[in-house]
N, C-alpha and C. Protein backbone atom coordinates (compact mmCIF):
# COMPACT_ATOMS: atom_id res chain seq x y z
N MET A 1 -18.75 8.59 19.06
CA MET A 1 -19.77 7.96 18.21
C MET A 1 -21.02 7.62 19.02
N MET A 2 -20.81 7.14 20.26
CA MET A 2 -21.93 6.83 21.15
C MET A 2 -22.76 8.08 21.43
N TYR A 3 -22.10 9.20 21.62
CA TYR A 3 -22.83 10.44 21.88
C TYR A 3 -23.64 10.84 20.67
N ARG A 4 -23.04 10.81 19.48
CA ARG A 4 -23.70 11.24 18.27
C ARG A 4 -24.94 10.40 17.96
N LYS A 5 -24.87 9.10 18.17
CA LYS A 5 -25.94 8.21 17.73
C LYS A 5 -26.99 7.91 18.80
N VAL A 6 -26.61 7.96 20.08
CA VAL A 6 -27.55 7.57 21.13
C VAL A 6 -27.82 8.69 22.14
N VAL A 7 -26.77 9.15 22.80
CA VAL A 7 -26.92 10.12 23.89
C VAL A 7 -27.52 11.43 23.40
N LYS A 8 -27.06 11.90 22.28
CA LYS A 8 -27.55 13.18 21.75
C LYS A 8 -29.05 13.11 21.46
N ARG A 9 -29.49 11.97 20.91
CA ARG A 9 -30.92 11.81 20.61
C ARG A 9 -31.74 11.76 21.90
N LEU A 10 -31.27 11.03 22.90
CA LEU A 10 -31.98 10.97 24.18
C LEU A 10 -32.07 12.36 24.82
N PHE A 11 -30.97 13.10 24.73
CA PHE A 11 -30.93 14.46 25.24
C PHE A 11 -31.98 15.32 24.54
N ASP A 12 -32.08 15.18 23.21
CA ASP A 12 -33.04 15.96 22.43
C ASP A 12 -34.47 15.62 22.80
N ILE A 13 -34.77 14.33 22.99
CA ILE A 13 -36.13 13.91 23.32
C ILE A 13 -36.56 14.49 24.67
N VAL A 14 -35.70 14.32 25.67
CA VAL A 14 -36.02 14.79 27.02
C VAL A 14 -36.15 16.31 27.05
N LEU A 15 -35.18 17.00 26.46
CA LEU A 15 -35.16 18.46 26.51
C LEU A 15 -36.31 19.07 25.69
N SER A 16 -36.58 18.52 24.51
CA SER A 16 -37.66 19.09 23.68
C SER A 16 -39.02 18.82 24.31
N GLY A 17 -39.21 17.62 24.88
CA GLY A 17 -40.47 17.32 25.54
C GLY A 17 -40.71 18.23 26.73
N THR A 18 -39.65 18.45 27.51
CA THR A 18 -39.74 19.36 28.66
C THR A 18 -40.01 20.79 28.20
N ALA A 19 -39.31 21.21 27.15
CA ALA A 19 -39.46 22.57 26.64
C ALA A 19 -40.87 22.84 26.14
N ILE A 20 -41.48 21.84 25.48
CA ILE A 20 -42.84 22.00 24.96
C ILE A 20 -43.82 22.20 26.12
N VAL A 21 -43.66 21.42 27.17
CA VAL A 21 -44.55 21.53 28.33
C VAL A 21 -44.36 22.88 29.02
N VAL A 22 -43.12 23.23 29.29
CA VAL A 22 -42.83 24.48 30.00
C VAL A 22 -43.23 25.70 29.17
N ALA A 23 -43.00 25.63 27.87
CA ALA A 23 -43.27 26.79 27.01
C ALA A 23 -44.69 26.82 26.47
N SER A 24 -45.53 25.86 26.85
CA SER A 24 -46.88 25.79 26.29
C SER A 24 -47.69 27.08 26.49
N PRO A 25 -47.60 27.76 27.65
CA PRO A 25 -48.34 29.03 27.78
C PRO A 25 -47.83 30.08 26.79
N VAL A 26 -46.52 30.13 26.60
CA VAL A 26 -45.94 31.09 25.64
C VAL A 26 -46.36 30.74 24.22
N LEU A 27 -46.33 29.45 23.90
CA LEU A 27 -46.75 29.00 22.57
C LEU A 27 -48.21 29.39 22.31
N GLY A 28 -49.05 29.24 23.34
CA GLY A 28 -50.46 29.60 23.21
C GLY A 28 -50.67 31.08 22.97
N VAL A 29 -49.96 31.90 23.73
CA VAL A 29 -50.07 33.36 23.59
C VAL A 29 -49.57 33.79 22.21
N LEU A 30 -48.44 33.24 21.78
CA LEU A 30 -47.89 33.59 20.47
C LEU A 30 -48.82 33.17 19.35
N TYR A 31 -49.45 32.02 19.51
CA TYR A 31 -50.39 31.55 18.49
C TYR A 31 -51.51 32.57 18.30
N VAL A 32 -52.06 33.06 19.40
CA VAL A 32 -53.15 34.04 19.35
C VAL A 32 -52.66 35.37 18.75
N LEU A 33 -51.47 35.82 19.18
CA LEU A 33 -50.92 37.08 18.69
C LEU A 33 -50.64 37.03 17.18
N VAL A 34 -50.03 35.94 16.74
CA VAL A 34 -49.73 35.81 15.31
C VAL A 34 -51.02 35.76 14.50
N ALA A 35 -52.01 35.03 14.99
CA ALA A 35 -53.30 34.94 14.28
C ALA A 35 -53.97 36.31 14.17
N SER A 36 -53.89 37.11 15.23
CA SER A 36 -54.56 38.42 15.23
C SER A 36 -53.80 39.46 14.43
N LYS A 37 -52.48 39.38 14.43
CA LYS A 37 -51.67 40.41 13.76
C LYS A 37 -51.30 40.06 12.32
N LEU A 38 -51.14 38.77 12.03
CA LEU A 38 -50.69 38.36 10.70
C LEU A 38 -51.68 37.45 9.98
N GLY A 39 -52.69 36.99 10.71
CA GLY A 39 -53.68 36.12 10.08
C GLY A 39 -53.28 34.65 10.11
N THR A 40 -54.02 33.87 9.36
CA THR A 40 -53.76 32.44 9.29
C THR A 40 -53.22 32.07 7.91
N PRO A 41 -52.52 30.96 7.78
CA PRO A 41 -52.15 30.02 8.85
C PRO A 41 -51.13 30.64 9.80
N VAL A 42 -51.20 30.26 11.05
CA VAL A 42 -50.30 30.81 12.06
C VAL A 42 -48.90 30.25 11.91
N LEU A 43 -48.83 28.98 11.55
CA LEU A 43 -47.52 28.33 11.41
C LEU A 43 -47.02 28.43 9.97
N PHE A 44 -45.74 28.73 9.85
CA PHE A 44 -45.05 28.71 8.57
C PHE A 44 -44.46 27.31 8.41
N LYS A 45 -44.84 26.62 7.35
CA LYS A 45 -44.34 25.27 7.11
C LYS A 45 -43.59 25.24 5.79
N GLN A 46 -42.41 24.67 5.82
CA GLN A 46 -41.60 24.63 4.60
C GLN A 46 -40.72 23.39 4.59
N GLU A 47 -40.60 22.78 3.43
CA GLU A 47 -39.75 21.60 3.30
C GLU A 47 -38.28 22.03 3.38
N ARG A 48 -37.51 21.31 4.18
CA ARG A 48 -36.09 21.57 4.33
C ARG A 48 -35.33 20.25 4.31
N PRO A 49 -34.07 20.25 3.89
CA PRO A 49 -33.28 19.03 3.92
C PRO A 49 -32.69 18.78 5.30
N GLY A 50 -32.78 17.54 5.76
CA GLY A 50 -32.23 17.18 7.07
C GLY A 50 -31.03 16.26 6.94
N TYR A 51 -30.96 15.28 7.81
CA TYR A 51 -29.84 14.33 7.83
C TYR A 51 -29.73 13.61 6.48
N LYS A 52 -28.53 13.63 5.91
CA LYS A 52 -28.24 13.03 4.60
C LYS A 52 -29.13 13.61 3.49
N GLY A 53 -29.63 14.82 3.71
CA GLY A 53 -30.43 15.50 2.69
C GLY A 53 -31.88 15.06 2.65
N LYS A 54 -32.32 14.22 3.59
CA LYS A 54 -33.71 13.76 3.62
C LYS A 54 -34.63 14.95 3.92
N ILE A 55 -35.68 15.09 3.13
CA ILE A 55 -36.58 16.24 3.25
C ILE A 55 -37.58 16.04 4.39
N PHE A 56 -37.76 17.10 5.19
CA PHE A 56 -38.77 17.10 6.24
C PHE A 56 -39.48 18.45 6.23
N LYS A 57 -40.56 18.56 6.99
CA LYS A 57 -41.32 19.81 7.04
C LYS A 57 -40.98 20.58 8.31
N LEU A 58 -40.40 21.77 8.14
CA LEU A 58 -40.00 22.63 9.25
C LEU A 58 -41.17 23.49 9.70
N TYR A 59 -41.31 23.66 11.02
CA TYR A 59 -42.38 24.50 11.58
C TYR A 59 -41.81 25.73 12.26
N LYS A 60 -42.42 26.88 11.95
CA LYS A 60 -42.10 28.14 12.62
C LYS A 60 -43.38 28.95 12.75
N PHE A 61 -43.37 29.96 13.63
CA PHE A 61 -44.46 30.94 13.61
C PHE A 61 -44.22 31.86 12.43
N ARG A 62 -45.26 32.19 11.71
CA ARG A 62 -45.09 33.09 10.57
C ARG A 62 -44.72 34.48 11.04
N THR A 63 -43.92 35.18 10.25
CA THR A 63 -43.48 36.53 10.61
C THR A 63 -43.79 37.54 9.50
N MET A 64 -44.33 37.06 8.38
CA MET A 64 -44.59 37.95 7.24
C MET A 64 -46.05 37.88 6.81
N THR A 65 -46.51 38.95 6.17
CA THR A 65 -47.86 38.99 5.63
C THR A 65 -47.86 38.31 4.25
N ASP A 66 -49.04 38.24 3.64
CA ASP A 66 -49.16 37.68 2.29
C ASP A 66 -49.41 38.77 1.25
N GLU A 67 -48.89 39.97 1.52
CA GLU A 67 -49.11 41.10 0.61
C GLU A 67 -48.53 40.82 -0.77
N ARG A 68 -49.32 41.16 -1.79
CA ARG A 68 -48.92 40.91 -3.18
C ARG A 68 -48.99 42.19 -4.02
N ASP A 69 -48.29 42.19 -5.15
CA ASP A 69 -48.32 43.35 -6.04
C ASP A 69 -49.53 43.25 -6.97
N GLU A 70 -49.60 44.19 -7.92
CA GLU A 70 -50.77 44.23 -8.81
C GLU A 70 -50.87 43.01 -9.72
N ASN A 71 -49.76 42.27 -9.85
CA ASN A 71 -49.77 41.06 -10.67
C ASN A 71 -50.03 39.79 -9.87
N GLY A 72 -50.29 40.00 -8.58
CA GLY A 72 -50.57 38.84 -7.73
C GLY A 72 -49.33 38.15 -7.20
N GLU A 73 -48.16 38.74 -7.43
CA GLU A 73 -46.91 38.16 -6.94
C GLU A 73 -46.62 38.65 -5.53
N LEU A 74 -46.09 37.78 -4.70
CA LEU A 74 -45.73 38.19 -3.34
C LEU A 74 -44.69 39.29 -3.37
N LEU A 75 -44.85 40.28 -2.48
CA LEU A 75 -43.86 41.35 -2.37
C LEU A 75 -42.57 40.78 -1.78
N PRO A 76 -41.43 41.48 -1.95
CA PRO A 76 -40.17 41.02 -1.36
C PRO A 76 -40.29 40.83 0.14
N ASP A 77 -39.48 39.93 0.69
CA ASP A 77 -39.54 39.60 2.11
C ASP A 77 -39.48 40.83 3.01
N GLU A 78 -38.57 41.77 2.69
CA GLU A 78 -38.39 42.92 3.57
C GLU A 78 -39.62 43.82 3.62
N LYS A 79 -40.50 43.74 2.59
CA LYS A 79 -41.71 44.54 2.58
C LYS A 79 -42.87 43.83 3.27
N ARG A 80 -42.77 42.51 3.39
CA ARG A 80 -43.83 41.74 4.04
C ARG A 80 -43.52 41.45 5.51
N LEU A 81 -42.28 41.73 5.90
CA LEU A 81 -41.88 41.51 7.29
C LEU A 81 -42.34 42.69 8.15
N THR A 82 -43.28 42.45 9.04
CA THR A 82 -43.84 43.51 9.86
C THR A 82 -42.97 43.78 11.08
N ALA A 83 -43.29 44.88 11.79
CA ALA A 83 -42.56 45.20 13.02
C ALA A 83 -42.73 44.08 14.04
N PHE A 84 -43.94 43.52 14.11
CA PHE A 84 -44.20 42.40 15.01
C PHE A 84 -43.37 41.18 14.59
N GLY A 85 -43.31 40.94 13.28
CA GLY A 85 -42.53 39.83 12.77
C GLY A 85 -41.04 39.99 13.06
N LYS A 86 -40.55 41.22 12.93
CA LYS A 86 -39.14 41.49 13.22
C LYS A 86 -38.83 41.21 14.69
N LYS A 87 -39.79 41.55 15.56
CA LYS A 87 -39.58 41.31 16.99
C LYS A 87 -39.54 39.82 17.28
N LEU A 88 -40.42 39.06 16.62
CA LEU A 88 -40.41 37.61 16.79
C LEU A 88 -39.07 37.03 16.37
N ARG A 89 -38.55 37.51 15.23
CA ARG A 89 -37.27 36.99 14.73
C ARG A 89 -36.09 37.40 15.62
N SER A 90 -36.11 38.66 16.06
CA SER A 90 -34.98 39.16 16.85
C SER A 90 -34.86 38.45 18.20
N THR A 91 -36.00 37.97 18.70
CA THR A 91 -36.00 37.25 19.97
C THR A 91 -35.97 35.73 19.76
N SER A 92 -36.01 35.32 18.48
CA SER A 92 -36.03 33.89 18.09
C SER A 92 -37.29 33.16 18.57
N LEU A 93 -38.33 33.91 18.96
CA LEU A 93 -39.57 33.28 19.39
C LEU A 93 -40.29 32.59 18.23
N ASP A 94 -40.02 33.03 17.00
CA ASP A 94 -40.66 32.41 15.84
C ASP A 94 -40.22 30.95 15.66
N GLU A 95 -39.09 30.59 16.28
CA GLU A 95 -38.54 29.26 16.10
C GLU A 95 -38.98 28.25 17.16
N LEU A 96 -39.80 28.68 18.12
CA LEU A 96 -40.24 27.76 19.18
C LEU A 96 -40.97 26.52 18.66
N PRO A 97 -41.77 26.61 17.58
CA PRO A 97 -42.42 25.38 17.08
C PRO A 97 -41.44 24.31 16.62
N GLU A 98 -40.18 24.67 16.42
CA GLU A 98 -39.18 23.67 16.02
C GLU A 98 -38.91 22.66 17.13
N PHE A 99 -39.38 22.95 18.36
CA PHE A 99 -39.29 21.94 19.42
C PHE A 99 -39.97 20.65 18.98
N PHE A 100 -41.06 20.79 18.22
CA PHE A 100 -41.78 19.61 17.74
C PHE A 100 -40.98 18.86 16.68
N ASN A 101 -40.24 19.59 15.85
CA ASN A 101 -39.34 18.95 14.89
C ASN A 101 -38.26 18.14 15.60
N ILE A 102 -37.77 18.70 16.71
CA ILE A 102 -36.73 18.00 17.48
C ILE A 102 -37.30 16.75 18.12
N LEU A 103 -38.49 16.86 18.70
CA LEU A 103 -39.12 15.70 19.34
C LEU A 103 -39.38 14.59 18.32
N LYS A 104 -39.76 14.96 17.10
CA LYS A 104 -40.03 13.98 16.05
C LYS A 104 -38.76 13.31 15.54
N GLY A 105 -37.62 13.97 15.72
CA GLY A 105 -36.36 13.40 15.23
C GLY A 105 -35.90 13.99 13.92
N ASP A 106 -36.61 15.02 13.43
CA ASP A 106 -36.19 15.69 12.20
C ASP A 106 -34.96 16.56 12.44
N MET A 107 -34.86 17.07 13.69
CA MET A 107 -33.81 18.02 14.04
C MET A 107 -33.22 17.67 15.40
N SER A 108 -32.16 18.40 15.74
CA SER A 108 -31.54 18.31 17.06
C SER A 108 -31.51 19.73 17.63
N PHE A 109 -31.22 19.86 18.91
CA PHE A 109 -31.08 21.20 19.46
C PHE A 109 -29.87 21.91 18.85
N VAL A 110 -28.80 21.15 18.61
CA VAL A 110 -27.58 21.75 18.06
C VAL A 110 -27.19 21.03 16.77
N GLY A 111 -26.89 21.82 15.75
CA GLY A 111 -26.47 21.28 14.46
C GLY A 111 -26.54 22.38 13.42
N PRO A 112 -26.08 22.13 12.21
CA PRO A 112 -26.19 23.14 11.15
C PRO A 112 -27.66 23.47 10.88
N ARG A 113 -27.97 24.73 10.68
CA ARG A 113 -29.36 25.11 10.43
C ARG A 113 -29.86 24.49 9.12
N PRO A 114 -31.12 24.02 9.10
CA PRO A 114 -31.69 23.47 7.86
C PRO A 114 -32.01 24.59 6.89
N LEU A 115 -31.41 24.55 5.72
CA LEU A 115 -31.57 25.62 4.74
C LEU A 115 -32.57 25.21 3.66
N LEU A 116 -32.62 25.95 2.56
CA LEU A 116 -33.61 25.69 1.52
C LEU A 116 -33.24 24.46 0.69
N VAL A 117 -34.27 23.75 0.25
CA VAL A 117 -34.07 22.56 -0.59
C VAL A 117 -33.35 22.93 -1.88
N GLN A 118 -33.63 24.12 -2.40
CA GLN A 118 -33.04 24.54 -3.67
C GLN A 118 -31.52 24.71 -3.59
N TYR A 119 -30.96 24.75 -2.37
CA TYR A 119 -29.51 24.88 -2.23
C TYR A 119 -28.77 23.55 -2.39
N LEU A 120 -29.49 22.43 -2.28
CA LEU A 120 -28.84 21.12 -2.28
C LEU A 120 -27.86 20.90 -3.45
N PRO A 121 -28.24 21.21 -4.69
CA PRO A 121 -27.30 20.97 -5.79
C PRO A 121 -26.19 22.02 -5.88
N LEU A 122 -26.25 23.05 -5.05
CA LEU A 122 -25.26 24.14 -5.13
C LEU A 122 -24.06 23.95 -4.22
N TYR A 123 -24.17 23.03 -3.23
CA TYR A 123 -23.05 22.82 -2.31
C TYR A 123 -21.91 22.09 -3.02
N ASN A 124 -20.67 22.47 -2.68
CA ASN A 124 -19.56 21.65 -3.13
C ASN A 124 -19.44 20.45 -2.18
N LYS A 125 -18.51 19.55 -2.47
CA LYS A 125 -18.42 18.30 -1.69
C LYS A 125 -18.18 18.56 -0.21
N GLU A 126 -17.34 19.53 0.11
CA GLU A 126 -17.02 19.84 1.50
C GLU A 126 -18.24 20.46 2.20
N GLN A 127 -18.90 21.40 1.55
CA GLN A 127 -20.06 22.06 2.14
C GLN A 127 -21.20 21.08 2.38
N ALA A 128 -21.35 20.08 1.51
CA ALA A 128 -22.42 19.09 1.64
C ALA A 128 -22.27 18.24 2.89
N ARG A 129 -21.08 18.23 3.49
CA ARG A 129 -20.86 17.45 4.72
C ARG A 129 -21.68 17.98 5.89
N ARG A 130 -22.24 19.17 5.76
CA ARG A 130 -23.09 19.73 6.81
C ARG A 130 -24.32 18.86 7.04
N HIS A 131 -24.65 18.01 6.06
CA HIS A 131 -25.80 17.11 6.19
C HIS A 131 -25.43 15.76 6.79
N ASP A 132 -24.21 15.62 7.30
CA ASP A 132 -23.79 14.36 7.92
C ASP A 132 -24.28 14.24 9.37
N VAL A 133 -24.94 15.28 9.86
CA VAL A 133 -25.58 15.26 11.18
C VAL A 133 -26.97 15.86 11.06
N LEU A 134 -27.79 15.67 12.07
CA LEU A 134 -29.12 16.29 12.07
C LEU A 134 -28.98 17.82 12.08
N PRO A 135 -29.87 18.53 11.38
CA PRO A 135 -29.86 19.99 11.47
C PRO A 135 -30.29 20.42 12.86
N GLY A 136 -29.95 21.66 13.23
CA GLY A 136 -30.21 22.10 14.59
C GLY A 136 -31.05 23.36 14.71
N LEU A 137 -31.61 23.53 15.89
CA LEU A 137 -32.31 24.76 16.25
C LEU A 137 -31.29 25.89 16.32
N THR A 138 -30.10 25.56 16.79
CA THR A 138 -28.98 26.50 16.81
C THR A 138 -27.73 25.73 16.39
N GLY A 139 -26.66 26.46 16.12
CA GLY A 139 -25.45 25.79 15.67
C GLY A 139 -24.21 26.64 15.84
N TRP A 140 -23.08 26.06 15.49
CA TRP A 140 -21.79 26.73 15.63
C TRP A 140 -21.73 27.99 14.76
N ALA A 141 -22.33 27.94 13.58
CA ALA A 141 -22.36 29.13 12.71
C ALA A 141 -23.25 30.22 13.30
N GLN A 142 -24.35 29.81 13.95
CA GLN A 142 -25.29 30.80 14.51
C GLN A 142 -24.66 31.61 15.65
N VAL A 143 -23.79 30.99 16.43
CA VAL A 143 -23.17 31.72 17.54
C VAL A 143 -21.88 32.40 17.11
N ASN A 144 -21.55 32.28 15.82
CA ASN A 144 -20.36 32.95 15.29
C ASN A 144 -20.72 33.92 14.16
N GLY A 145 -21.91 34.53 14.29
CA GLY A 145 -22.27 35.55 13.31
C GLY A 145 -23.66 35.42 12.72
N ARG A 146 -24.24 34.20 12.79
CA ARG A 146 -25.60 33.98 12.29
C ARG A 146 -25.73 34.47 10.84
N ASN A 147 -26.59 35.44 10.58
CA ASN A 147 -26.80 35.92 9.21
C ASN A 147 -25.88 37.08 8.83
N ALA A 148 -24.98 37.47 9.73
CA ALA A 148 -24.10 38.60 9.44
C ALA A 148 -22.79 38.16 8.79
N ILE A 149 -22.58 36.85 8.65
CA ILE A 149 -21.36 36.35 8.01
C ILE A 149 -21.70 35.79 6.63
N SER A 150 -20.69 35.55 5.80
CA SER A 150 -20.92 35.05 4.45
C SER A 150 -21.34 33.59 4.47
N TRP A 151 -21.93 33.14 3.37
CA TRP A 151 -22.31 31.73 3.27
C TRP A 151 -21.10 30.82 3.44
N GLU A 152 -19.99 31.19 2.81
CA GLU A 152 -18.79 30.35 2.90
C GLU A 152 -18.29 30.21 4.33
N GLU A 153 -18.31 31.31 5.08
CA GLU A 153 -17.92 31.25 6.50
C GLU A 153 -18.89 30.37 7.28
N LYS A 154 -20.17 30.54 6.98
CA LYS A 154 -21.20 29.77 7.68
C LYS A 154 -21.00 28.27 7.46
N PHE A 155 -20.73 27.88 6.21
CA PHE A 155 -20.56 26.46 5.90
C PHE A 155 -19.28 25.90 6.53
N LYS A 156 -18.24 26.72 6.65
CA LYS A 156 -17.01 26.26 7.32
C LYS A 156 -17.29 25.95 8.78
N TYR A 157 -18.08 26.79 9.43
CA TYR A 157 -18.45 26.54 10.82
C TYR A 157 -19.31 25.27 10.92
N ASP A 158 -20.21 25.08 9.95
CA ASP A 158 -21.07 23.90 9.97
C ASP A 158 -20.25 22.61 9.88
N VAL A 159 -19.30 22.59 8.96
CA VAL A 159 -18.47 21.40 8.78
C VAL A 159 -17.55 21.20 9.98
N GLU A 160 -17.07 22.30 10.55
CA GLU A 160 -16.25 22.20 11.76
C GLU A 160 -17.06 21.54 12.88
N TYR A 161 -18.35 21.89 12.96
CA TYR A 161 -19.20 21.28 13.98
C TYR A 161 -19.30 19.77 13.76
N VAL A 162 -19.50 19.36 12.51
CA VAL A 162 -19.60 17.93 12.18
C VAL A 162 -18.36 17.19 12.66
N ASP A 163 -17.19 17.80 12.51
CA ASP A 163 -15.93 17.16 12.89
C ASP A 163 -15.69 17.20 14.39
N ARG A 164 -16.27 18.17 15.09
CA ARG A 164 -15.97 18.35 16.52
C ARG A 164 -17.11 17.93 17.45
N ILE A 165 -18.20 17.46 16.91
CA ILE A 165 -19.40 17.19 17.70
C ILE A 165 -19.10 16.39 18.98
N SER A 166 -19.60 16.90 20.09
CA SER A 166 -19.43 16.26 21.40
C SER A 166 -20.42 16.89 22.37
N PHE A 167 -20.62 16.26 23.50
CA PHE A 167 -21.54 16.78 24.51
C PHE A 167 -21.09 18.16 25.01
N LEU A 168 -19.81 18.29 25.32
CA LEU A 168 -19.31 19.57 25.84
C LEU A 168 -19.40 20.67 24.79
N PHE A 169 -19.15 20.31 23.52
CA PHE A 169 -19.24 21.30 22.45
C PHE A 169 -20.69 21.76 22.28
N ASP A 170 -21.64 20.82 22.36
CA ASP A 170 -23.05 21.19 22.27
C ASP A 170 -23.45 22.12 23.42
N LEU A 171 -22.97 21.81 24.63
CA LEU A 171 -23.29 22.67 25.77
C LEU A 171 -22.73 24.08 25.56
N LYS A 172 -21.52 24.16 25.06
CA LYS A 172 -20.90 25.46 24.79
C LYS A 172 -21.75 26.27 23.82
N ILE A 173 -22.21 25.61 22.75
CA ILE A 173 -23.02 26.30 21.74
C ILE A 173 -24.35 26.75 22.31
N LEU A 174 -24.96 25.92 23.15
CA LEU A 174 -26.24 26.30 23.77
C LEU A 174 -26.08 27.52 24.66
N PHE A 175 -25.01 27.56 25.46
CA PHE A 175 -24.78 28.72 26.32
C PHE A 175 -24.49 29.97 25.49
N MET A 176 -23.72 29.81 24.41
CA MET A 176 -23.43 30.94 23.53
C MET A 176 -24.68 31.42 22.81
N THR A 177 -25.60 30.50 22.53
CA THR A 177 -26.85 30.86 21.87
C THR A 177 -27.70 31.76 22.76
N VAL A 178 -27.78 31.42 24.04
CA VAL A 178 -28.53 32.25 24.98
C VAL A 178 -27.98 33.67 24.98
N ARG A 179 -26.66 33.79 25.00
CA ARG A 179 -26.03 35.12 24.98
C ARG A 179 -26.36 35.87 23.69
N SER A 180 -26.28 35.17 22.54
CA SER A 180 -26.53 35.80 21.25
C SER A 180 -27.98 36.27 21.13
N VAL A 181 -28.91 35.44 21.63
CA VAL A 181 -30.32 35.81 21.56
C VAL A 181 -30.60 37.03 22.43
N LEU A 182 -30.02 37.05 23.63
CA LEU A 182 -30.22 38.18 24.54
C LEU A 182 -29.65 39.47 23.94
N LYS A 183 -28.53 39.34 23.22
CA LYS A 183 -27.91 40.52 22.60
C LYS A 183 -28.50 40.82 21.22
N ARG A 184 -29.30 39.87 20.69
CA ARG A 184 -29.92 40.00 19.37
C ARG A 184 -28.86 40.24 18.30
N GLU A 185 -27.85 39.39 18.28
CA GLU A 185 -26.74 39.54 17.35
C GLU A 185 -26.98 38.79 16.05
N GLY A 186 -26.51 39.39 14.92
CA GLY A 186 -26.47 38.72 13.63
C GLY A 186 -27.81 38.29 13.06
N ILE A 187 -28.87 39.02 13.38
CA ILE A 187 -30.21 38.62 12.95
C ILE A 187 -30.37 38.69 11.44
N SER A 188 -29.80 39.73 10.84
CA SER A 188 -29.93 39.86 9.40
C SER A 188 -28.66 40.39 8.78
N GLN A 189 -28.52 40.11 7.48
CA GLN A 189 -27.40 40.64 6.72
C GLN A 189 -27.76 42.06 6.29
N GLN A 190 -26.78 42.93 6.21
CA GLN A 190 -27.05 44.32 5.87
C GLN A 190 -27.80 44.41 4.54
N GLY A 191 -28.93 45.13 4.56
CA GLY A 191 -29.71 45.31 3.35
C GLY A 191 -30.69 44.20 3.05
N GLU A 192 -30.76 43.18 3.92
CA GLU A 192 -31.65 42.05 3.68
C GLU A 192 -32.55 41.83 4.89
N ALA A 193 -33.74 41.21 4.65
CA ALA A 193 -34.63 40.86 5.76
C ALA A 193 -33.99 39.81 6.63
N THR A 194 -33.30 38.88 6.01
CA THR A 194 -32.53 37.87 6.75
C THR A 194 -31.15 37.76 6.13
N MET A 195 -31.07 37.05 4.98
CA MET A 195 -29.80 36.92 4.30
C MET A 195 -30.05 36.68 2.82
N GLU A 196 -29.14 37.16 1.97
CA GLU A 196 -29.31 36.96 0.54
C GLU A 196 -29.28 35.48 0.20
N PHE A 197 -29.85 35.10 -0.94
CA PHE A 197 -29.89 33.71 -1.34
C PHE A 197 -28.50 33.19 -1.68
N PHE A 198 -28.27 31.93 -1.37
CA PHE A 198 -27.01 31.27 -1.72
C PHE A 198 -27.09 30.86 -3.18
N THR A 199 -26.06 31.21 -3.97
CA THR A 199 -26.05 30.89 -5.39
C THR A 199 -24.89 29.99 -5.78
N GLY A 200 -24.21 29.44 -4.78
CA GLY A 200 -23.07 28.57 -5.06
C GLY A 200 -21.76 29.28 -4.77
N THR A 201 -20.72 28.50 -4.54
CA THR A 201 -19.40 29.04 -4.26
C THR A 201 -18.51 28.92 -5.49
N LYS A 202 -17.90 30.02 -5.88
CA LYS A 202 -16.97 29.99 -7.01
C LYS A 202 -15.67 29.36 -6.58
N GLU A 203 -15.29 28.30 -7.27
CA GLU A 203 -14.06 27.58 -6.91
C GLU A 203 -12.83 28.32 -7.41
């Protein structure tokens, strides 16, 4: 309990602050590249549910264009995702601005990924337990398949993390994350730019 409430937060503050300083040259270069290749705004901002479902604003580098059809509707994600955007996602560089979310206390380095607000009423009671901890930059589900596994599998890993949370478990996930990013594993579900939308679990 001490780790979950105090130590983990101190770890996040120190590590995210250090990461922002160390990665500032990379953040600057990416900002310029995204602006030149995809336009502005450079940052993708979206409301996501955090601890206990509290809504916060998530920051990422944008990876898609604003291309629209003849009716003014945005094209599907896979058609707006550019080669440059795919590279950002495959290397997870698009997620570097989330360091600021961690520093603010909206997120942690390790925890269930913050998903769409529209999914909140679709979780069953067990799946909703994923919100009993801060969402993470990476998590147990991400190192066990990321977007290549089903939603149900992903939520089982999320809840398992909630039950097993500890300093050593977080370290294990962080080391596994480095390996997954280097291997570029589980970036997208087959046939999707990332993963199909969650529509609820049939009981």
